[in-house]
Amino acid sequence: MSKKYINKLLMLFISLSLFGCKDFIEKNISEETPVLILPANNATINANPVHFKWEELEGATNYRIEIVSPDFANVQSFPLDSIVTGTNFFFGLDSAQYEIRITAMNAGFNSKPSAIKRFWVGTSQGGANSVTLLNPAADVYENESFDGKFSWNPITSTAVSSYTFELHETNSFGGAYVGQPINQLGITAITVPDAVGTELEDGPYCWGVKAYFVNGGETEFSKRVFYIDKTAPGLAVLNLPTNNFTVGAGNVDFTWTLPAQGANQSPIQSKLEIATDTGFSNLVEVIPYSTATTYPRTMTPGTYYWRVIVKDEAGNISTPGATAYYTLTIF
């Protein structure tokens, strides 16, 4: 074995030994818990960027800091998830409610997360003078006829200098912008061309408005989620009585099955129509839209035609075609 080869093996052995030694001497901090000093729990902070501070944890080389809004149980935005060194950190945040936690780390171990602390930036706890949103309503479903109009009530208890409006994709205020934030509004209603129903994909959207006061203060964003659903529901499946069924006069149970809806489609209802003609212009019974899928009716002798029309909460309607009905003969 050559001397050169032996030297290479020796260097490799030394490198592996040093690496293993470093791993070995890292302190196990997995049962430790870091302690946050700033901000205080439930604090209101007006200075920006916000100062975050925690106690040094022995054996830690860096820290993971997580900040969410409004809280970890209902994350609407995730302004920060970063690895930092030291025990002081400054970060700019918009006016809103937040929660923070930190986790200490080294090359071999992670500590337990710190206790979660809640705090407010630029606005007081409880959202005093917060903006009241009007339209679109919370959790409403709109179709392609949505006109892109948003409105809110003016704040009258404090002099307002302007408003800021934002619209985001998904049900999170951290989703991608639809258009861009619109700042310094002196109005309480706005039409956003990019938000017209024909321009939007099916799915959830989150919009919000915040107010700026003449004295320099501001509110946090008031937020709402609404949905766009431009897809008409499928047709109902007619069950009983079966097509061309003949039965004596008396009670007849009409039953049907509603179509399945996709992930971004709104809830559906259906109505039953019974007519004496195939064009359904001579209706003898119309059962209004509901979630029911069965209806008992006392039938007198004659020939009848029945069908089911499906409508979703967004206003999309699936009307059966010319032959999508069943014939029923009563003797």
C-alpha atoms as a PDB file:
ATOM      1  CA  MET A   1       0.000   0.000   0.000  1.00  0.00           C
ATOM      2  CA  SER A   2       1.491   3.341  -1.065  1.00  0.00           C
ATOM      3  CA  LYS A   3       2.236   6.121   1.393  1.00  0.00           C
ATOM      4  CA  LYS A   4      -0.005   8.480  -0.614  1.00  0.00           C
ATOM      5  CA  TYR A   5      -2.950   6.112  -0.275  1.00  0.00           C
ATOM      6  CA  ILE A   6      -2.363   5.689   3.468  1.00  0.00           C
ATOM      7  CA  ASN A   7      -2.341   9.489   3.913  1.00  0.00           C
ATOM      8  CA  LYS A   8      -5.695   9.785   2.139  1.00  0.00           C
ATOM      9  CA  LEU A   9      -7.219   7.149   4.404  1.00  0.00           C
ATOM     10  CA  LEU A  10      -5.803   8.928   7.444  1.00  0.00           C
ATOM     11  CA  MET A  11      -7.270  12.273   6.401  1.00  0.00           C
ATOM     12  CA  LEU A  12     -10.660  10.651   5.788  1.00  0.00           C
ATOM     13  CA  PHE A  13     -10.571   9.021   9.206  1.00  0.00           C
ATOM     14  CA  ILE A  14      -9.710  12.330  10.891  1.00  0.00           C
ATOM     15  CA  SER A  15     -12.534  14.144   9.046  1.00  0.00           C
ATOM     16  CA  LEU A  16     -15.090  11.547  10.018  1.00  0.00           C
ATOM     17  CA  SER A  17     -13.881  11.575  13.603  1.00  0.00           C
ATOM     18  CA  LEU A  18     -14.169  15.353  13.856  1.00  0.00           C
ATOM     19  CA  PHE A  19     -17.657  15.324  12.342  1.00  0.00           C
ATOM     20  CA  GLY A  20     -18.796  12.575  14.721  1.00  0.00           C
ATOM     21  CA  CYS A  21     -17.227  14.381  17.663  1.00  0.00           C
ATOM     22  CA  LYS A  22     -19.049  17.609  16.847  1.00  0.00           C
ATOM     23  CA  ASP A  23     -22.332  15.704  16.612  1.00  0.00           C
ATOM     24  CA  PHE A  24     -21.560  13.969  19.880  1.00  0.00           C
ATOM     25  CA  ILE A  25     -20.851  17.113  21.904  1.00  0.00           C
ATOM     26  CA  GLU A  26     -23.999  19.032  20.829  1.00  0.00           C
ATOM     27  CA  LYS A  27     -26.124  19.549  23.917  1.00  0.00           C
ATOM     28  CA  ASN A  28     -29.453  17.748  23.920  1.00  0.00           C
ATOM     29  CA  ILE A  29     -31.990  20.588  24.230  1.00  0.00           C
ATOM     30  CA  SER A  30     -35.042  18.571  23.179  1.00  0.00           C
ATOM     31  CA  GLU A  31     -36.609  18.868  26.642  1.00  0.00           C
ATOM     32  CA  GLU A  32     -35.788  22.568  27.045  1.00  0.00           C
ATOM     33  CA  THR A  33     -38.255  25.410  26.393  1.00  0.00           C
ATOM     34  CA  PRO A  34     -37.133  28.901  25.313  1.00  0.00           C
ATOM     35  CA  VAL A  35     -38.669  31.917  27.054  1.00  0.00           C
ATOM     36  CA  LEU A  36     -40.024  34.907  25.131  1.00  0.00           C
ATOM     37  CA  ILE A  37     -39.468  38.309  26.770  1.00  0.00           C
ATOM     38  CA  LEU A  38     -40.890  40.653  24.118  1.00  0.00           C
ATOM     39  CA  PRO A  39     -43.611  41.172  23.230  1.00  0.00           C
ATOM     40  CA  ALA A  40     -45.578  40.792  26.439  1.00  0.00           C
ATOM     41  CA  ASN A  41     -48.679  38.635  26.133  1.00  0.00           C
ATOM     42  CA  ASN A  42     -51.703  40.633  24.900  1.00  0.00           C
ATOM     43  CA  ALA A  43     -49.518  43.696  24.316  1.00  0.00           C
ATOM     44  CA  THR A  44     -50.453  46.472  21.893  1.00  0.00           C
ATOM     45  CA  ILE A  45     -47.396  47.651  19.954  1.00  0.00           C
ATOM     46  CA  ASN A  46     -47.278  50.945  18.056  1.00  0.00           C
ATOM     47  CA  ALA A  47     -43.556  50.929  17.176  1.00  0.00           C
ATOM     48  CA  ASN A  48     -42.555  49.395  13.848  1.00  0.00           C
ATOM     49  CA  PRO A  49     -40.503  47.361  13.155  1.00  0.00           C
ATOM     50  CA  VAL A  50     -41.553  45.316  16.161  1.00  0.00           C
ATOM     51  CA  HIS A  51     -38.866  44.281  18.665  1.00  0.00           C
ATOM     52  CA  PHE A  52     -38.798  40.590  19.592  1.00  0.00           C
ATOM     53  CA  LYS A  53     -36.565  39.359  22.414  1.00  0.00           C
ATOM     54  CA  TRP A  54     -36.054  36.057  24.242  1.00  0.00           C
ATOM     55  CA  GLU A  55     -33.796  34.515  26.859  1.00  0.00           C
ATOM     56  CA  GLU A  56     -30.683  32.758  25.601  1.00  0.00           C
ATOM     57  CA  LEU A  57     -31.040  29.002  25.882  1.00  0.00           C
ATOM     58  CA  GLU A  58     -27.780  27.227  26.718  1.00  0.00           C
ATOM     59  CA  GLY A  59     -26.687  24.918  23.935  1.00  0.00           C
ATOM     60  CA  ALA A  60     -28.758  26.646  21.225  1.00  0.00           C
ATOM     61  CA  THR A  61     -27.010  28.085  18.180  1.00  0.00           C
ATOM     62  CA  ASN A  62     -30.060  29.620  16.490  1.00  0.00           C
ATOM     63  CA  TYR A  63     -33.809  29.997  16.826  1.00  0.00           C
ATOM     64  CA  ARG A  64     -36.838  29.437  14.640  1.00  0.00           C
ATOM     65  CA  ILE A  65     -39.334  32.291  14.949  1.00  0.00           C
ATOM     66  CA  GLU A  66     -42.919  31.828  13.736  1.00  0.00           C
ATOM     67  CA  ILE A  67     -45.460  34.661  13.516  1.00  0.00           C
ATOM     68  CA  VAL A  68     -49.035  34.124  12.288  1.00  0.00           C
ATOM     69  CA  SER A  69     -52.208  36.201  12.058  1.00  0.00           C
ATOM     70  CA  PRO A  70     -54.599  36.184  13.733  1.00  0.00           C
ATOM     71  CA  ASP A  71     -53.601  33.048  15.708  1.00  0.00           C
ATOM     72  CA  PHE A  72     -52.231  29.504  15.316  1.00  0.00           C
ATOM     73  CA  ALA A  73     -55.711  28.016  15.622  1.00  0.00           C
ATOM     74  CA  ASN A  74     -56.969  30.063  12.659  1.00  0.00           C
ATOM     75  CA  VAL A  75     -54.013  30.983  10.446  1.00  0.00           C
ATOM     76  CA  GLN A  76     -55.011  33.497   7.781  1.00  0.00           C
ATOM     77  CA  SER A  77     -51.494  34.718   7.046  1.00  0.00           C
ATOM     78  CA  PHE A  78     -47.960  33.597   7.971  1.00  0.00           C
ATOM     79  CA  PRO A  79     -45.835  36.770   7.919  1.00  0.00           C
ATOM     80  CA  LEU A  80     -42.695  35.097   9.250  1.00  0.00           C
ATOM     81  CA  ASP A  81     -41.148  31.648   9.545  1.00  0.00           C
ATOM     82  CA  SER A  82     -37.410  32.094   9.721  1.00  0.00           C
ATOM     83  CA  ILE A  83     -34.207  30.852  11.397  1.00  0.00           C
ATOM     84  CA  VAL A  84     -32.344  33.618  13.231  1.00  0.00           C
ATOM     85  CA  THR A  85     -29.291  33.930  15.503  1.00  0.00           C
ATOM     86  CA  GLY A  86     -28.982  35.921  18.700  1.00  0.00           C
ATOM     87  CA  THR A  87     -31.774  36.793  21.102  1.00  0.00           C
ATOM     88  CA  ASN A  88     -33.023  40.053  19.540  1.00  0.00           C
ATOM     89  CA  PHE A  89     -34.909  40.416  16.285  1.00  0.00           C
ATOM     90  CA  PHE A  90     -36.767  43.275  14.577  1.00  0.00           C
ATOM     91  CA  PHE A  91     -39.476  42.766  11.971  1.00  0.00           C
ATOM     92  CA  GLY A  92     -42.067  45.075  10.377  1.00  0.00           C
ATOM     93  CA  LEU A  93     -45.708  44.031  10.648  1.00  0.00           C
ATOM     94  CA  ASP A  94     -48.953  45.498   9.388  1.00  0.00           C
ATOM     95  CA  SER A  95     -51.651  46.538  11.843  1.00  0.00           C
ATOM     96  CA  ALA A  96     -53.379  43.346  12.956  1.00  0.00           C
ATOM     97  CA  GLN A  97     -53.588  40.668  15.628  1.00  0.00           C
ATOM     98  CA  TYR A  98     -50.703  38.156  15.771  1.00  0.00           C
ATOM     99  CA  GLU A  99     -49.324  35.186  17.685  1.00  0.00           C
ATOM    100  CA  ILE A 100     -45.663  34.233  18.031  1.00  0.00           C
ATOM    101  CA  ARG A 101     -43.634  31.236  19.193  1.00  0.00           C
ATOM    102  CA  ILE A 102     -39.953  30.362  18.978  1.00  0.00           C
ATOM    103  CA  THR A 103     -38.010  27.090  18.968  1.00  0.00           C
ATOM    104  CA  ALA A 104     -34.334  26.808  19.927  1.00  0.00           C
ATOM    105  CA  MET A 105     -32.069  24.730  17.664  1.00  0.00           C
ATOM    106  CA  ASN A 106     -28.558  23.346  17.296  1.00  0.00           C
ATOM    107  CA  ALA A 107     -26.930  20.925  14.861  1.00  0.00           C
ATOM    108  CA  GLY A 108     -28.445  17.899  16.562  1.00  0.00           C
ATOM    109  CA  PHE A 109     -31.585  18.905  18.440  1.00  0.00           C
ATOM    110  CA  ASN A 110     -34.661  21.136  18.530  1.00  0.00           C
ATOM    111  CA  SER A 111     -36.172  22.387  21.771  1.00  0.00           C
ATOM    112  CA  LYS A 112     -39.847  22.418  22.625  1.00  0.00           C
ATOM    113  CA  PRO A 113     -41.696  25.462  21.225  1.00  0.00           C
ATOM    114  CA  SER A 114     -42.034  28.427  23.563  1.00  0.00           C
ATOM    115  CA  ALA A 115     -45.354  29.408  25.055  1.00  0.00           C
ATOM    116  CA  ILE A 116     -47.451  31.199  22.434  1.00  0.00           C
ATOM    117  CA  LYS A 117     -47.931  34.930  22.950  1.00  0.00           C
ATOM    118  CA  ARG A 118     -50.670  37.027  21.391  1.00  0.00           C
ATOM    119  CA  PHE A 119     -50.121  40.692  20.526  1.00  0.00           C
ATOM    120  CA  TRP A 120     -51.544  43.516  18.432  1.00  0.00           C
ATOM    121  CA  VAL A 121     -49.673  45.891  16.146  1.00  0.00           C
ATOM    122  CA  GLY A 122     -50.994  49.389  15.415  1.00  0.00           C
ATOM    123  CA  THR A 123     -54.448  48.654  16.804  1.00  0.00           C
ATOM    124  CA  SER A 124     -55.886  47.900  20.196  1.00  0.00           C
ATOM    125  CA  GLN A 125     -57.246  44.603  21.389  1.00  0.00           C
ATOM    126  CA  GLY A 126     -60.846  44.174  20.321  1.00  0.00           C
ATOM    127  CA  GLY A 127     -60.504  46.169  17.115  1.00  0.00           C
ATOM    128  CA  ALA A 128     -61.998  49.451  18.298  1.00  0.00           C
ATOM    129  CA  ASN A 129     -63.290  51.529  15.364  1.00  0.00           C
ATOM    130  CA  SER A 130     -62.775  48.584  13.014  1.00  0.00           C
ATOM    131  CA  VAL A 131     -64.265  48.792   9.513  1.00  0.00           C
ATOM    132  CA  THR A 132     -67.650  47.098   9.040  1.00  0.00           C
ATOM    133  CA  LEU A 133     -67.759  45.300   5.697  1.00  0.00           C
ATOM    134  CA  LEU A 134     -71.015  45.225   3.722  1.00  0.00           C
ATOM    135  CA  ASN A 135     -70.830  43.506   0.323  1.00  0.00           C
ATOM    136  CA  PRO A 136     -70.162  40.854  -0.725  1.00  0.00           C
ATOM    137  CA  ALA A 137     -71.537  39.165   2.372  1.00  0.00           C
ATOM    138  CA  ALA A 138     -69.504  36.714   4.426  1.00  0.00           C
ATOM    139  CA  ASP A 139     -69.295  33.209   2.918  1.00  0.00           C
ATOM    140  CA  VAL A 140     -71.647  34.098   0.060  1.00  0.00           C
ATOM    141  CA  TYR A 141     -71.378  32.267  -3.276  1.00  0.00           C
ATOM    142  CA  GLU A 142     -71.289  34.380  -6.439  1.00  0.00           C
ATOM    143  CA  ASN A 143     -71.347  33.268 -10.064  1.00  0.00           C
ATOM    144  CA  GLU A 144     -70.012  34.907 -13.228  1.00  0.00           C
ATOM    145  CA  SER A 145     -72.578  37.710 -12.861  1.00  0.00           C
ATOM    146  CA  PHE A 146     -70.638  39.100  -9.866  1.00  0.00           C
ATOM    147  CA  ASP A 147     -69.939  42.748 -10.704  1.00  0.00           C
ATOM    148  CA  GLY A 148     -66.692  43.149  -8.747  1.00  0.00           C
ATOM    149  CA  LYS A 149     -68.202  45.719  -6.359  1.00  0.00           C
ATOM    150  CA  PHE A 150     -67.095  45.908  -2.714  1.00  0.00           C
ATOM    151  CA  SER A 151     -68.470  48.228  -0.037  1.00  0.00           C
ATOM    152  CA  TRP A 152     -68.126  48.977   3.669  1.00  0.00           C
ATOM    153  CA  ASN A 153     -69.591  51.315   6.276  1.00  0.00           C
ATOM    154  CA  PRO A 154     -67.756  54.561   7.043  1.00  0.00           C
ATOM    155  CA  ILE A 155     -66.237  54.955  10.483  1.00  0.00           C
ATOM    156  CA  THR A 156     -67.913  57.970  12.085  1.00  0.00           C
ATOM    157  CA  SER A 157     -66.597  57.802  15.655  1.00  0.00           C
ATOM    158  CA  THR A 158     -63.075  58.902  14.633  1.00  0.00           C
ATOM    159  CA  ALA A 159     -61.935  61.135  11.784  1.00  0.00           C
ATOM    160  CA  VAL A 160     -60.736  58.908   8.938  1.00  0.00           C
ATOM    161  CA  SER A 161     -58.156  60.129   6.454  1.00  0.00           C
ATOM    162  CA  SER A 162     -58.331  57.157   4.042  1.00  0.00           C
ATOM    163  CA  TYR A 163     -58.914  53.424   3.546  1.00  0.00           C
ATOM    164  CA  THR A 164     -56.875  50.593   2.022  1.00  0.00           C
ATOM    165  CA  PHE A 165     -58.538  47.726   0.137  1.00  0.00           C
ATOM    166  CA  GLU A 166     -57.045  44.288  -0.628  1.00  0.00           C
ATOM    167  CA  LEU A 167     -58.399  41.191  -2.377  1.00  0.00           C
ATOM    168  CA  HIS A 168     -56.602  37.842  -2.187  1.00  0.00           C
ATOM    169  CA  GLU A 169     -56.985  34.428  -3.771  1.00  0.00           C
ATOM    170  CA  THR A 170     -57.927  31.487  -1.498  1.00  0.00           C
ATOM    171  CA  ASN A 171     -59.612  31.937   1.882  1.00  0.00           C
ATOM    172  CA  SER A 172     -56.417  33.375   3.392  1.00  0.00           C
ATOM    173  CA  PHE A 173     -55.364  37.017   3.487  1.00  0.00           C
ATOM    174  CA  GLY A 174     -51.901  35.698   2.681  1.00  0.00           C
ATOM    175  CA  GLY A 175     -52.981  34.396  -0.727  1.00  0.00           C
ATOM    176  CA  ALA A 176     -51.910  35.977  -4.003  1.00  0.00           C
ATOM    177  CA  TYR A 177     -53.334  39.419  -4.776  1.00  0.00           C
ATOM    178  CA  VAL A 178     -56.171  39.831  -7.245  1.00  0.00           C
ATOM    179  CA  GLY A 179     -55.036  43.041  -8.883  1.00  0.00           C
ATOM    180  CA  GLN A 180     -52.960  45.075  -6.429  1.00  0.00           C
ATOM    181  CA  PRO A 181     -53.710  46.690  -3.044  1.00  0.00           C
ATOM    182  CA  ILE A 182     -55.625  49.940  -3.508  1.00  0.00           C
ATOM    183  CA  ASN A 183     -54.434  52.579  -1.063  1.00  0.00           C
ATOM    184  CA  GLN A 184     -55.543  56.006   0.124  1.00  0.00           C
ATOM    185  CA  LEU A 185     -59.211  55.597  -0.743  1.00  0.00           C
ATOM    186  CA  GLY A 186     -61.466  58.457   0.284  1.00  0.00           C
ATOM    187  CA  ILE A 187     -64.565  56.383  -0.454  1.00  0.00           C
ATOM    188  CA  THR A 188     -66.436  53.432   1.062  1.00  0.00           C
ATOM    189  CA  ALA A 189     -67.149  51.476  -2.126  1.00  0.00           C
ATOM    190  CA  ILE A 190     -65.022  50.310  -5.014  1.00  0.00           C
ATOM    191  CA  THR A 191     -65.344  48.303  -8.222  1.00  0.00           C
ATOM    192  CA  VAL A 192     -62.360  46.075  -9.006  1.00  0.00           C
ATOM    193  CA  PRO A 193     -62.229  45.102 -12.724  1.00  0.00           C
ATOM    194  CA  ASP A 194     -60.021  42.094 -11.987  1.00  0.00           C
ATOM    195  CA  ALA A 195     -62.672  40.838  -9.546  1.00  0.00           C
ATOM    196  CA  VAL A 196     -65.597  40.693 -11.976  1.00  0.00           C
ATOM    197  CA  GLY A 197     -66.986  37.152 -11.914  1.00  0.00           C
ATOM    198  CA  THR A 198     -66.043  36.407 -15.511  1.00  0.00           C
ATOM    199  CA  GLU A 199     -62.407  37.190 -14.639  1.00  0.00           C
ATOM    200  CA  LEU A 200     -62.169  34.973 -11.547  1.00  0.00           C
ATOM    201  CA  GLU A 201     -61.580  31.242 -11.321  1.00  0.00           C
ATOM    202  CA  ASP A 202     -63.937  29.143  -9.206  1.00  0.00           C
ATOM    203  CA  GLY A 203     -62.836  29.091  -5.580  1.00  0.00           C
ATOM    204  CA  PRO A 204     -62.581  31.127  -2.354  1.00  0.00           C
ATOM    205  CA  TYR A 205     -61.417  34.750  -2.114  1.00  0.00           C
ATOM    206  CA  CYS A 206     -60.603  36.894   0.912  1.00  0.00           C
ATOM    207  CA  TRP A 207     -61.066  40.681   0.925  1.00  0.00           C
ATOM    208  CA  GLY A 208     -60.356  43.274   3.554  1.00  0.00           C
ATOM    209  CA  VAL A 209     -60.352  46.979   4.347  1.00  0.00           C
ATOM    210  CA  LYS A 210     -58.450  49.004   6.935  1.00  0.00           C
ATOM    211  CA  ALA A 211     -58.855  52.659   7.938  1.00  0.00           C
ATOM    212  CA  TYR A 212     -56.228  55.329   8.609  1.00  0.00           C
ATOM    213  CA  PHE A 213     -57.092  58.110  11.039  1.00  0.00           C
ATOM    214  CA  VAL A 214     -56.292  61.801  10.842  1.00  0.00           C
ATOM    215  CA  ASN A 215     -54.396  61.535  14.133  1.00  0.00           C
ATOM    216  CA  GLY A 216     -52.025  58.923  12.637  1.00  0.00           C
ATOM    217  CA  GLY A 217     -53.606  55.755  14.056  1.00  0.00           C
ATOM    218  CA  GLU A 218     -55.083  52.944  12.019  1.00  0.00           C
ATOM    219  CA  THR A 219     -57.277  49.859  12.335  1.00  0.00           C
ATOM    220  CA  GLU A 220     -56.387  46.297  11.551  1.00  0.00           C
ATOM    221  CA  PHE A 221     -57.865  44.819   8.370  1.00  0.00           C
ATOM    222  CA  SER A 222     -61.491  43.732   8.597  1.00  0.00           C
ATOM    223  CA  LYS A 223     -61.696  40.580   6.450  1.00  0.00           C
ATOM    224  CA  ARG A 224     -64.299  38.447   4.741  1.00  0.00           C
ATOM    225  CA  VAL A 225     -64.294  35.326   2.590  1.00  0.00           C
ATOM    226  CA  PHE A 226     -66.605  34.824  -0.381  1.00  0.00           C
ATOM    227  CA  TYR A 227     -66.699  32.254  -3.182  1.00  0.00           C
ATOM    228  CA  ILE A 228     -66.933  32.240  -6.954  1.00  0.00           C
ATOM    229  CA  ASP A 229     -68.821  29.312  -8.507  1.00  0.00           C
ATOM    230  CA  LYS A 230     -69.558  29.608 -12.229  1.00  0.00           C
ATOM    231  CA  THR A 231     -70.140  25.884 -12.820  1.00  0.00           C
ATOM    232  CA  ALA A 232     -73.712  24.696 -13.228  1.00  0.00           C
ATOM    233  CA  PRO A 233     -74.541  21.598 -11.158  1.00  0.00           C
ATOM    234  CA  GLY A 234     -75.186  18.266 -12.836  1.00  0.00           C
ATOM    235  CA  LEU A 235     -78.594  16.795 -13.481  1.00  0.00           C
ATOM    236  CA  ALA A 236     -80.566  14.953 -10.848  1.00  0.00           C
ATOM    237  CA  VAL A 237     -81.087  11.215 -11.292  1.00  0.00           C
ATOM    238  CA  LEU A 238     -84.796  10.341 -11.372  1.00  0.00           C
ATOM    239  CA  ASN A 239     -85.537   7.229  -9.318  1.00  0.00           C
ATOM    240  CA  LEU A 240     -89.223   6.551  -8.660  1.00  0.00           C
ATOM    241  CA  PRO A 241     -91.685   6.241 -10.231  1.00  0.00           C
ATOM    242  CA  THR A 242     -89.649   4.783 -13.072  1.00  0.00           C
ATOM    243  CA  ASN A 243     -90.126   5.950 -16.647  1.00  0.00           C
ATOM    244  CA  ASN A 244     -93.415   4.827 -18.269  1.00  0.00           C
ATOM    245  CA  PHE A 245     -94.699   3.514 -14.948  1.00  0.00           C
ATOM    246  CA  THR A 246     -98.425   2.769 -14.705  1.00  0.00           C
ATOM    247  CA  VAL A 247    -100.264   2.680 -11.390  1.00  0.00           C
ATOM    248  CA  GLY A 248    -103.724   3.168  -9.964  1.00  0.00           C
ATOM    249  CA  ALA A 249    -104.900   6.488  -8.594  1.00  0.00           C
ATOM    250  CA  GLY A 250    -103.698   7.326  -5.129  1.00  0.00           C
ATOM    251  CA  ASN A 251    -100.515   8.242  -3.344  1.00  0.00           C
ATOM    252  CA  VAL A 252     -97.286   8.188  -5.390  1.00  0.00           C
ATOM    253  CA  ASP A 253     -93.798   8.792  -3.963  1.00  0.00           C
ATOM    254  CA  PHE A 254     -91.488  10.782  -6.228  1.00  0.00           C
ATOM    255  CA  THR A 255     -87.805  10.265  -5.388  1.00  0.00           C
ATOM    256  CA  TRP A 256     -84.557  11.407  -6.999  1.00  0.00           C
ATOM    257  CA  THR A 257     -80.816  11.648  -6.325  1.00  0.00           C
ATOM    258  CA  LEU A 258     -78.910  14.932  -6.382  1.00  0.00           C
ATOM    259  CA  PRO A 259     -75.640  15.175  -8.364  1.00  0.00           C
ATOM    260  CA  ALA A 260     -72.266  15.308  -6.620  1.00  0.00           C
ATOM    261  CA  GLN A 261     -70.592  18.725  -6.358  1.00  0.00           C
ATOM    262  CA  GLY A 262     -66.933  19.527  -6.934  1.00  0.00           C
ATOM    263  CA  ALA A 263     -64.628  20.988  -4.290  1.00  0.00           C
ATOM    264  CA  ASN A 264     -65.234  24.601  -5.365  1.00  0.00           C
ATOM    265  CA  GLN A 265     -68.936  24.269  -6.101  1.00  0.00           C
ATOM    266  CA  SER A 266     -71.641  25.628  -3.840  1.00  0.00           C
ATOM    267  CA  PRO A 267     -74.358  23.663  -2.015  1.00  0.00           C
ATOM    268  CA  ILE A 268     -77.341  22.640  -4.141  1.00  0.00           C
ATOM    269  CA  GLN A 269     -81.112  22.358  -3.877  1.00  0.00           C
ATOM    270  CA  SER A 270     -83.723  21.014  -6.250  1.00  0.00           C
ATOM    271  CA  LYS A 271     -87.374  21.454  -7.166  1.00  0.00           C
ATOM    272  CA  LEU A 272     -89.855  18.943  -8.549  1.00  0.00           C
ATOM    273  CA  GLU A 273     -92.106  19.785 -11.493  1.00  0.00           C
ATOM    274  CA  ILE A 274     -95.111  17.666 -12.559  1.00  0.00           C
ATOM    275  CA  ALA A 275     -96.902  18.587 -15.787  1.00  0.00           C
ATOM    276  CA  THR A 276     -99.462  17.266 -18.240  1.00  0.00           C
ATOM    277  CA  ASP A 277     -97.308  18.131 -21.285  1.00  0.00           C
ATOM    278  CA  THR A 278     -93.705  17.427 -22.247  1.00  0.00           C
ATOM    279  CA  GLY A 279     -92.911  21.141 -22.556  1.00  0.00           C
ATOM    280  CA  PHE A 280     -93.853  21.629 -18.875  1.00  0.00           C
ATOM    281  CA  SER A 281     -96.054  24.613 -19.621  1.00  0.00           C
ATOM    282  CA  ASN A 282     -99.133  23.000 -18.015  1.00  0.00           C
ATOM    283  CA  LEU A 283     -97.811  22.421 -14.514  1.00  0.00           C
ATOM    284  CA  VAL A 284    -100.010  20.663 -11.968  1.00  0.00           C
ATOM    285  CA  GLU A 285     -97.420  20.717  -9.192  1.00  0.00           C
ATOM    286  CA  VAL A 286     -94.221  22.625  -8.442  1.00  0.00           C
ATOM    287  CA  ILE A 287     -92.339  21.789  -5.246  1.00  0.00           C
ATOM    288  CA  PRO A 288     -90.084  24.787  -4.413  1.00  0.00           C
ATOM    289  CA  TYR A 289     -86.315  24.475  -4.127  1.00  0.00           C
ATOM    290  CA  SER A 290     -85.209  22.580  -1.034  1.00  0.00           C
ATOM    291  CA  THR A 291     -82.763  19.876   0.015  1.00  0.00           C
ATOM    292  CA  ALA A 292     -85.520  17.250  -0.046  1.00  0.00           C
ATOM    293  CA  THR A 293     -85.166  14.378  -2.526  1.00  0.00           C
ATOM    294  CA  THR A 294     -88.576  12.791  -2.056  1.00  0.00           C
ATOM    295  CA  TYR A 295     -92.152  14.022  -2.309  1.00  0.00           C
ATOM    296  CA  PRO A 296     -95.417  12.092  -1.802  1.00  0.00           C
ATOM    297  CA  ARG A 297     -98.431  13.251  -3.856  1.00  0.00           C
ATOM    298  CA  THR A 298    -101.958  11.983  -4.363  1.00  0.00           C
ATOM    299  CA  MET A 299    -102.388  11.454  -8.120  1.00  0.00           C
ATOM    300  CA  THR A 300    -105.649  11.335 -10.097  1.00  0.00           C
ATOM    301  CA  PRO A 301    -106.084   9.479 -13.424  1.00  0.00           C
ATOM    302  CA  GLY A 302    -104.191  10.897 -16.398  1.00  0.00           C
ATOM    303  CA  THR A 303    -100.801  10.984 -18.103  1.00  0.00           C
ATOM    304  CA  TYR A 304     -98.115  13.015 -16.359  1.00  0.00           C
ATOM    305  CA  TYR A 305     -94.517  14.019 -16.924  1.00  0.00           C
ATOM    306  CA  TRP A 306     -92.116  14.806 -14.094  1.00  0.00           C
ATOM    307  CA  ARG A 307     -88.623  16.223 -13.835  1.00  0.00           C
ATOM    308  CA  VAL A 308     -86.247  17.769 -11.285  1.00  0.00           C
ATOM    309  CA  ILE A 309     -84.349  21.050 -11.691  1.00  0.00           C
ATOM    310  CA  VAL A 310     -81.154  21.618  -9.708  1.00  0.00           C
ATOM    311  CA  LYS A 311     -79.928  25.026  -8.531  1.00  0.00           C
ATOM    312  CA  ASP A 312     -76.794  25.870  -6.543  1.00  0.00           C
ATOM    313  CA  GLU A 313     -76.285  28.587  -3.942  1.00  0.00           C
ATOM    314  CA  ALA A 314     -74.368  30.724  -6.446  1.00  0.00           C
ATOM    315  CA  GLY A 315     -77.448  30.888  -8.678  1.00  0.00           C
ATOM    316  CA  ASN A 316     -76.346  28.443 -11.377  1.00  0.00           C
ATOM    317  CA  ILE A 317     -79.221  26.269 -12.659  1.00  0.00           C
ATOM    318  CA  SER A 318     -79.172  22.924 -14.437  1.00  0.00           C
ATOM    319  CA  THR A 319     -82.378  22.684 -16.443  1.00  0.00           C
ATOM    320  CA  PRO A 320     -83.100  19.223 -17.844  1.00  0.00           C
ATOM    321  CA  GLY A 321     -83.057  18.878 -21.606  1.00  0.00           C
ATOM    322  CA  ALA A 322     -86.081  18.180 -23.785  1.00  0.00           C
ATOM    323  CA  THR A 323     -86.066  14.446 -22.995  1.00  0.00           C
ATOM    324  CA  ALA A 324     -84.854  14.516 -19.386  1.00  0.00           C
ATOM    325  CA  TYR A 325     -88.201  13.629 -17.834  1.00  0.00           C
ATOM    326  CA  TYR A 326     -90.150  10.535 -16.873  1.00  0.00           C
ATOM    327  CA  THR A 327     -93.677   9.620 -17.966  1.00  0.00           C
ATOM    328  CA  LEU A 328     -96.254   8.424 -15.429  1.00  0.00           C
ATOM    329  CA  THR A 329     -99.690   7.005 -16.243  1.00  0.00           C
ATOM    330  CA  ILE A 330    -102.389   6.963 -13.578  1.00  0.00           C
ATOM    331  CA  PHE A 331    -105.565   4.900 -14.216  1.00  0.00           C
END
